[in-house]
Amino acid sequence: MIDDNVDISTAFSKYFIRKGHECAVSNVGQNGLSMIENNQYDAILMDLAMPDFSGPDIVESLHNRNLMNGKLIVALTASSITDEDKANLKTRGVHSILKKPIDPDELLDYLSKIKK
């Protein structure tokens, strides 16, 4: 999970671990990119609006280096996002874009459905 909001990332990671899943967290976009480059994850949850190095910056970096293949990226955002921006992210390999706040049970259920 990559999210600059420590409260959100802590709450979700504790929830996922309690439900029997491993969860790696980064609260900085650039560090999150490094984690994605150096590890294999079943799913990547990524906030779009982060200071300095945003979710779209991470996606662009991965896409430009042909590193999006095989990555299940779900973007999360509390901000409004245009249809054009959604389409751009999906064209670059983002699986889906979900609105925050999101119930952890619903998110985990959603992830289990799209991983099949």
N, C-alpha and C. Protein backbone atom coordinates (compact mmCIF):
# COMPACT_ATOMS: atom_id res chain seq x y z
N MET A 1 0.85 -1.17 0.00
CA MET A 1 0.00 0.00 0.00
C MET A 1 0.89 1.23 0.00
N ILE A 2 0.56 2.16 -0.89
CA ILE A 2 1.30 3.41 -0.97
C ILE A 2 0.30 4.54 -0.74
N ASP A 3 0.46 5.23 0.38
CA ASP A 3 -0.46 6.32 0.73
C ASP A 3 0.27 7.25 1.68
N ASP A 4 0.26 8.53 1.40
CA ASP A 4 0.97 9.50 2.24
C ASP A 4 0.28 9.72 3.58
N ASN A 5 -0.97 9.29 3.71
CA ASN A 5 -1.70 9.44 4.96
C ASN A 5 -1.37 8.25 5.87
N VAL A 6 -0.55 8.51 6.88
CA VAL A 6 -0.08 7.44 7.77
C VAL A 6 -1.25 6.77 8.50
N ASP A 7 -2.25 7.54 8.89
CA ASP A 7 -3.40 6.96 9.58
C ASP A 7 -4.12 5.94 8.70
N ILE A 8 -4.32 6.29 7.44
CA ILE A 8 -5.00 5.38 6.50
C ILE A 8 -4.17 4.13 6.25
N SER A 9 -2.89 4.32 5.94
CA SER A 9 -2.06 3.15 5.63
C SER A 9 -1.89 2.24 6.84
N THR A 10 -1.77 2.83 8.03
CA THR A 10 -1.66 2.01 9.24
C THR A 10 -2.93 1.22 9.50
N ALA A 11 -4.07 1.89 9.39
CA ALA A 11 -5.35 1.21 9.64
C ALA A 11 -5.57 0.07 8.64
N PHE A 12 -5.32 0.33 7.37
CA PHE A 12 -5.53 -0.71 6.37
C PHE A 12 -4.53 -1.86 6.52
N SER A 13 -3.27 -1.53 6.79
CA SER A 13 -2.29 -2.61 6.92
C SER A 13 -2.60 -3.48 8.14
N LYS A 14 -3.00 -2.88 9.25
CA LYS A 14 -3.38 -3.67 10.43
C LYS A 14 -4.59 -4.55 10.11
N TYR A 15 -5.54 -4.00 9.39
CA TYR A 15 -6.74 -4.76 9.01
C TYR A 15 -6.36 -5.95 8.12
N PHE A 16 -5.55 -5.70 7.09
CA PHE A 16 -5.16 -6.77 6.16
C PHE A 16 -4.39 -7.87 6.90
N ILE A 17 -3.48 -7.48 7.78
CA ILE A 17 -2.71 -8.46 8.54
C ILE A 17 -3.62 -9.27 9.45
N ARG A 18 -4.57 -8.60 10.09
CA ARG A 18 -5.53 -9.29 10.96
C ARG A 18 -6.35 -10.30 10.16
N LYS A 19 -6.58 -10.01 8.89
CA LYS A 19 -7.36 -10.91 8.02
C LYS A 19 -6.48 -11.97 7.36
N GLY A 20 -5.19 -12.03 7.75
CA GLY A 20 -4.32 -13.09 7.26
C GLY A 20 -3.50 -12.77 6.02
N HIS A 21 -3.39 -11.49 5.66
CA HIS A 21 -2.64 -11.08 4.48
C HIS A 21 -1.38 -10.34 4.90
N GLU A 22 -0.35 -10.46 4.09
CA GLU A 22 0.84 -9.65 4.30
C GLU A 22 0.59 -8.27 3.70
N CYS A 23 1.21 -7.26 4.28
CA CYS A 23 1.00 -5.91 3.77
C CYS A 23 2.26 -5.09 3.98
N ALA A 24 2.84 -4.62 2.89
CA ALA A 24 3.98 -3.71 2.94
C ALA A 24 3.43 -2.30 2.71
N VAL A 25 4.01 -1.33 3.40
CA VAL A 25 3.49 0.04 3.33
C VAL A 25 4.61 1.03 3.02
N SER A 26 4.29 1.99 2.19
CA SER A 26 5.14 3.15 1.99
C SER A 26 4.26 4.39 2.10
N ASN A 27 4.76 5.39 2.79
CA ASN A 27 4.05 6.66 2.90
C ASN A 27 4.66 7.74 2.02
N VAL A 28 5.58 7.33 1.16
CA VAL A 28 6.25 8.25 0.24
C VAL A 28 6.23 7.63 -1.16
N GLY A 29 5.78 8.38 -2.14
CA GLY A 29 5.63 7.86 -3.49
C GLY A 29 6.90 7.28 -4.08
N GLN A 30 8.02 7.99 -3.95
CA GLN A 30 9.28 7.52 -4.53
C GLN A 30 9.71 6.20 -3.90
N ASN A 31 9.55 6.07 -2.60
CA ASN A 31 9.86 4.81 -1.93
C ASN A 31 8.91 3.70 -2.38
N GLY A 32 7.65 4.04 -2.57
CA GLY A 32 6.68 3.07 -3.07
C GLY A 32 7.08 2.54 -4.44
N LEU A 33 7.55 3.43 -5.30
CA LEU A 33 8.02 3.02 -6.62
C LEU A 33 9.18 2.03 -6.48
N SER A 34 10.11 2.33 -5.61
CA SER A 34 11.24 1.43 -5.39
C SER A 34 10.78 0.07 -4.89
N MET A 35 9.80 0.06 -4.00
CA MET A 35 9.26 -1.21 -3.50
C MET A 35 8.65 -2.02 -4.64
N ILE A 36 7.90 -1.37 -5.51
CA ILE A 36 7.28 -2.06 -6.65
C ILE A 36 8.34 -2.61 -7.58
N GLU A 37 9.40 -1.85 -7.81
CA GLU A 37 10.47 -2.28 -8.71
C GLU A 37 11.22 -3.49 -8.17
N ASN A 38 11.33 -3.59 -6.85
CA ASN A 38 12.19 -4.60 -6.25
C ASN A 38 11.47 -5.78 -5.61
N ASN A 39 10.15 -5.80 -5.67
CA ASN A 39 9.37 -6.86 -5.04
C ASN A 39 8.20 -7.25 -5.93
N GLN A 40 7.68 -8.43 -5.67
CA GLN A 40 6.47 -8.89 -6.37
C GLN A 40 5.32 -8.88 -5.38
N TYR A 41 4.24 -8.20 -5.72
CA TYR A 41 3.07 -8.11 -4.85
C TYR A 41 1.85 -8.67 -5.57
N ASP A 42 0.94 -9.27 -4.80
CA ASP A 42 -0.30 -9.75 -5.39
C ASP A 42 -1.16 -8.60 -5.86
N ALA A 43 -1.14 -7.49 -5.12
CA ALA A 43 -1.90 -6.30 -5.49
C ALA A 43 -1.19 -5.08 -4.91
N ILE A 44 -1.34 -3.98 -5.60
CA ILE A 44 -0.76 -2.71 -5.15
C ILE A 44 -1.90 -1.71 -5.02
N LEU A 45 -2.09 -1.22 -3.80
CA LEU A 45 -3.06 -0.17 -3.54
C LEU A 45 -2.30 1.13 -3.48
N MET A 46 -2.73 2.10 -4.26
CA MET A 46 -1.95 3.32 -4.38
C MET A 46 -2.85 4.56 -4.37
N ASP A 47 -2.54 5.47 -3.47
CA ASP A 47 -3.21 6.76 -3.45
C ASP A 47 -2.76 7.56 -4.67
N LEU A 48 -3.67 8.27 -5.28
CA LEU A 48 -3.30 9.08 -6.44
C LEU A 48 -2.71 10.43 -6.03
N ALA A 49 -3.25 11.04 -5.00
CA ALA A 49 -2.84 12.40 -4.61
C ALA A 49 -1.84 12.35 -3.47
N MET A 50 -0.55 12.34 -3.82
CA MET A 50 0.51 12.38 -2.82
C MET A 50 1.47 13.51 -3.20
N PRO A 51 2.03 14.17 -2.21
CA PRO A 51 2.96 15.26 -2.51
C PRO A 51 4.27 14.73 -3.11
N ASP A 52 4.92 15.53 -3.87
CA ASP A 52 6.24 15.27 -4.45
C ASP A 52 6.24 14.21 -5.55
N PHE A 53 5.72 13.03 -5.28
CA PHE A 53 5.72 11.95 -6.27
C PHE A 53 4.40 11.20 -6.14
N SER A 54 3.46 11.52 -7.01
CA SER A 54 2.08 11.05 -6.89
C SER A 54 1.88 9.65 -7.50
N GLY A 55 0.69 9.13 -7.30
CA GLY A 55 0.32 7.86 -7.92
C GLY A 55 0.51 7.89 -9.44
N PRO A 56 0.00 8.92 -10.12
CA PRO A 56 0.23 8.98 -11.57
C PRO A 56 1.71 9.05 -11.94
N ASP A 57 2.54 9.68 -11.10
CA ASP A 57 3.98 9.69 -11.36
C ASP A 57 4.56 8.28 -11.28
N ILE A 58 4.11 7.49 -10.30
CA ILE A 58 4.56 6.11 -10.17
C ILE A 58 4.15 5.30 -11.40
N VAL A 59 2.89 5.44 -11.79
CA VAL A 59 2.38 4.70 -12.95
C VAL A 59 3.16 5.10 -14.20
N GLU A 60 3.38 6.38 -14.39
CA GLU A 60 4.11 6.87 -15.57
C GLU A 60 5.52 6.30 -15.60
N SER A 61 6.19 6.29 -14.46
CA SER A 61 7.55 5.77 -14.38
C SER A 61 7.58 4.28 -14.73
N LEU A 62 6.67 3.51 -14.16
CA LEU A 62 6.61 2.08 -14.45
C LEU A 62 6.26 1.83 -15.91
N HIS A 63 5.29 2.58 -16.41
CA HIS A 63 4.85 2.42 -17.80
C HIS A 63 5.97 2.74 -18.79
N ASN A 64 6.67 3.84 -18.56
CA ASN A 64 7.74 4.26 -19.47
C ASN A 64 8.89 3.28 -19.53
N ARG A 65 9.04 2.46 -18.50
CA ARG A 65 10.12 1.47 -18.48
C ARG A 65 9.59 0.05 -18.68
N ASN A 66 8.34 -0.04 -19.16
CA ASN A 66 7.71 -1.34 -19.44
C ASN A 66 7.70 -2.26 -18.22
N LEU A 67 7.40 -1.70 -17.05
CA LEU A 67 7.36 -2.48 -15.82
C LEU A 67 5.94 -2.65 -15.26
N MET A 68 4.93 -2.33 -16.04
CA MET A 68 3.55 -2.47 -15.57
C MET A 68 3.00 -3.88 -15.75
N ASN A 69 3.61 -4.65 -16.63
CA ASN A 69 3.10 -5.97 -16.94
C ASN A 69 3.08 -6.86 -15.71
N GLY A 70 1.96 -7.51 -15.47
CA GLY A 70 1.83 -8.42 -14.34
C GLY A 70 1.56 -7.74 -13.01
N LYS A 71 1.34 -6.44 -13.01
CA LYS A 71 1.07 -5.71 -11.78
C LYS A 71 -0.43 -5.41 -11.67
N LEU A 72 -1.01 -5.76 -10.54
CA LEU A 72 -2.41 -5.47 -10.28
C LEU A 72 -2.44 -4.21 -9.42
N ILE A 73 -2.66 -3.07 -10.07
CA ILE A 73 -2.67 -1.79 -9.37
C ILE A 73 -4.09 -1.27 -9.25
N VAL A 74 -4.48 -0.99 -8.02
CA VAL A 74 -5.77 -0.38 -7.74
C VAL A 74 -5.48 0.99 -7.14
N ALA A 75 -5.92 2.02 -7.83
CA ALA A 75 -5.71 3.39 -7.37
C ALA A 75 -6.87 3.79 -6.45
N LEU A 76 -6.53 4.51 -5.40
CA LEU A 76 -7.51 5.02 -4.46
C LEU A 76 -7.41 6.54 -4.44
N THR A 77 -8.56 7.21 -4.41
CA THR A 77 -8.52 8.66 -4.36
C THR A 77 -9.73 9.24 -3.65
N ALA A 78 -9.46 10.26 -2.87
CA ALA A 78 -10.54 11.02 -2.25
C ALA A 78 -10.89 12.23 -3.10
N SER A 79 -10.03 12.52 -4.07
CA SER A 79 -10.23 13.66 -4.95
C SER A 79 -11.09 13.27 -6.15
N SER A 80 -11.67 14.27 -6.78
CA SER A 80 -12.40 13.99 -8.01
C SER A 80 -11.37 13.76 -9.11
N ILE A 81 -11.72 12.89 -10.04
CA ILE A 81 -10.82 12.56 -11.14
C ILE A 81 -11.62 12.56 -12.43
N THR A 82 -11.06 13.16 -13.45
CA THR A 82 -11.77 13.26 -14.72
C THR A 82 -11.79 11.92 -15.42
N ASP A 83 -12.75 11.76 -16.32
CA ASP A 83 -12.82 10.54 -17.12
C ASP A 83 -11.56 10.38 -17.96
N GLU A 84 -11.01 11.51 -18.42
CA GLU A 84 -9.78 11.48 -19.22
C GLU A 84 -8.61 10.95 -18.38
N ASP A 85 -8.50 11.42 -17.14
CA ASP A 85 -7.43 10.94 -16.26
C ASP A 85 -7.61 9.46 -15.94
N LYS A 86 -8.86 9.03 -15.71
CA LYS A 86 -9.13 7.61 -15.47
C LYS A 86 -8.70 6.78 -16.67
N ALA A 87 -9.10 7.21 -17.85
CA ALA A 87 -8.76 6.48 -19.07
C ALA A 87 -7.24 6.42 -19.26
N ASN A 88 -6.57 7.52 -18.96
CA ASN A 88 -5.11 7.57 -19.10
C ASN A 88 -4.45 6.57 -18.16
N LEU A 89 -4.90 6.50 -16.92
CA LEU A 89 -4.34 5.56 -15.96
C LEU A 89 -4.61 4.12 -16.38
N LYS A 90 -5.81 3.86 -16.86
CA LYS A 90 -6.15 2.49 -17.28
C LYS A 90 -5.37 2.08 -18.53
N THR A 91 -5.16 3.02 -19.44
CA THR A 91 -4.37 2.75 -20.64
C THR A 91 -2.95 2.36 -20.26
N ARG A 92 -2.45 2.94 -19.19
CA ARG A 92 -1.09 2.65 -18.73
C ARG A 92 -1.01 1.40 -17.85
N GLY A 93 -2.15 0.78 -17.56
CA GLY A 93 -2.12 -0.50 -16.85
C GLY A 93 -2.75 -0.53 -15.48
N VAL A 94 -3.32 0.57 -15.01
CA VAL A 94 -4.01 0.56 -13.72
C VAL A 94 -5.31 -0.23 -13.88
N HIS A 95 -5.54 -1.18 -13.00
CA HIS A 95 -6.72 -2.04 -13.11
C HIS A 95 -8.00 -1.26 -12.83
N SER A 96 -8.02 -0.52 -11.72
CA SER A 96 -9.24 0.19 -11.35
C SER A 96 -8.92 1.38 -10.45
N ILE A 97 -9.89 2.27 -10.36
CA ILE A 97 -9.77 3.47 -9.54
C ILE A 97 -10.99 3.51 -8.63
N LEU A 98 -10.74 3.47 -7.32
CA LEU A 98 -11.81 3.46 -6.34
C LEU A 98 -11.79 4.74 -5.52
N LYS A 99 -12.98 5.16 -5.10
CA LYS A 99 -13.11 6.38 -4.30
C LYS A 99 -12.89 6.07 -2.82
N LYS A 100 -12.16 6.95 -2.16
CA LYS A 100 -12.02 6.92 -0.70
C LYS A 100 -13.04 7.89 -0.13
N PRO A 101 -13.54 7.68 1.04
CA PRO A 101 -13.22 6.56 1.91
C PRO A 101 -13.87 5.27 1.40
N ILE A 102 -13.22 4.17 1.70
CA ILE A 102 -13.75 2.86 1.32
C ILE A 102 -13.69 1.94 2.53
N ASP A 103 -14.73 1.18 2.70
CA ASP A 103 -14.81 0.23 3.81
C ASP A 103 -13.77 -0.87 3.59
N PRO A 104 -12.97 -1.19 4.61
CA PRO A 104 -11.94 -2.22 4.45
C PRO A 104 -12.49 -3.57 4.03
N ASP A 105 -13.66 -3.96 4.56
CA ASP A 105 -14.27 -5.23 4.16
C ASP A 105 -14.61 -5.22 2.67
N GLU A 106 -15.16 -4.12 2.19
CA GLU A 106 -15.51 -4.01 0.78
C GLU A 106 -14.26 -4.04 -0.10
N LEU A 107 -13.20 -3.37 0.36
CA LEU A 107 -11.96 -3.35 -0.41
C LEU A 107 -11.36 -4.75 -0.48
N LEU A 108 -11.31 -5.45 0.62
CA LEU A 108 -10.76 -6.80 0.62
C LEU A 108 -11.60 -7.74 -0.24
N ASP A 109 -12.91 -7.62 -0.18
CA ASP A 109 -13.81 -8.41 -1.02
C ASP A 109 -13.56 -8.10 -2.50
N TYR A 110 -13.43 -6.82 -2.82
CA TYR A 110 -13.16 -6.40 -4.19
C TYR A 110 -11.84 -7.01 -4.69
N LEU A 111 -10.80 -6.92 -3.86
CA LEU A 111 -9.50 -7.46 -4.26
C LEU A 111 -9.57 -8.95 -4.50
N SER A 112 -10.30 -9.66 -3.65
CA SER A 112 -10.41 -11.12 -3.82
C SER A 112 -11.13 -11.46 -5.12
N LYS A 113 -12.08 -10.65 -5.53
CA LYS A 113 -12.82 -10.91 -6.77
C LYS A 113 -11.98 -10.63 -8.01
N ILE A 114 -11.17 -9.57 -7.99
CA ILE A 114 -10.41 -9.23 -9.20
C ILE A 114 -9.13 -10.05 -9.33
N LYS A 115 -8.70 -10.71 -8.27
CA LYS A 115 -7.50 -11.53 -8.32
C LYS A 115 -7.75 -12.90 -8.92
N LYS A 116 -9.00 -13.27 -9.11
CA LYS A 116 -9.31 -14.61 -9.63
C LYS A 116 -9.07 -14.71 -11.10
